[in-house]
Amino acid sequence: MKNYFFQAAKIFFNPETLVPFIIGTIFLSVLGNALNPIEITLKEQFRRGKN
């Protein structure tokens, strides 16, 4: 069991695996920050339409 954990950790922390993961994380955070104002605007428009 111990051996599997260290093998998985070695694969995960390999630069070939870690760099795309970090790039994807940054991409998703930027995308989320860009969509947040659009979501707020749509919510405000929906509230105005209901009242």
Protein backbone atom coordinates (compact mmCIF):
# COMPACT_ATOMS: atom_id res chain seq x y z
CA MET A 1 0.00 0.00 0.00
CA LYS A 2 2.82 2.35 0.92
CA ASN A 3 4.54 1.73 -2.40
CA TYR A 4 1.44 2.73 -4.39
CA PHE A 5 1.18 6.05 -2.58
CA PHE A 6 4.77 6.97 -3.35
CA GLN A 7 4.38 5.91 -6.98
CA ALA A 8 1.26 8.06 -7.32
CA ALA A 9 2.97 11.02 -5.63
CA LYS A 10 5.99 10.63 -7.92
CA ILE A 11 3.74 10.66 -11.01
CA PHE A 12 1.63 13.58 -9.77
CA PHE A 13 4.55 15.83 -8.84
CA ASN A 14 6.34 15.12 -12.09
CA PRO A 15 6.75 18.41 -14.06
CA GLU A 16 5.08 16.83 -17.09
CA THR A 17 1.96 16.30 -14.99
CA LEU A 18 2.09 19.29 -12.66
CA VAL A 19 2.61 22.08 -15.23
CA PRO A 20 -0.58 21.38 -17.26
CA PHE A 21 -2.51 21.09 -14.00
CA ILE A 22 -1.28 24.51 -12.86
CA ILE A 23 -1.98 26.06 -16.27
CA GLY A 24 -5.51 24.61 -16.22
CA THR A 25 -6.09 25.93 -12.71
CA ILE A 26 -5.01 29.43 -13.73
CA PHE A 27 -7.18 29.26 -16.85
CA LEU A 28 -10.25 28.24 -14.85
CA SER A 29 -9.71 30.98 -12.27
CA VAL A 30 -9.37 33.64 -14.97
CA LEU A 31 -12.46 32.31 -16.75
CA GLY A 32 -14.42 32.31 -13.49
CA ASN A 33 -13.41 35.87 -12.72
CA ALA A 34 -14.45 36.95 -16.21
CA LEU A 35 -17.86 35.29 -15.93
CA ASN A 36 -18.66 36.62 -12.47
CA PRO A 37 -19.70 40.17 -13.60
CA ILE A 38 -21.86 38.66 -16.35
CA GLU A 39 -23.61 36.46 -13.82
CA ILE A 40 -24.25 39.41 -11.49
CA THR A 41 -25.64 41.48 -14.38
CA LEU A 42 -27.96 38.68 -15.46
CA LYS A 43 -29.22 38.23 -11.90
CA GLU A 44 -29.97 41.96 -11.61
CA GLN A 45 -31.85 41.94 -14.92
CA PHE A 46 -33.85 38.91 -13.85
CA ARG A 47 -34.81 40.59 -10.57
CA ARG A 48 -35.93 43.75 -12.37
CA GLY A 49 -38.03 41.73 -14.78
CA LYS A 50 -39.80 39.91 -11.96
CA ASN A 51 -40.79 43.06 -10.05
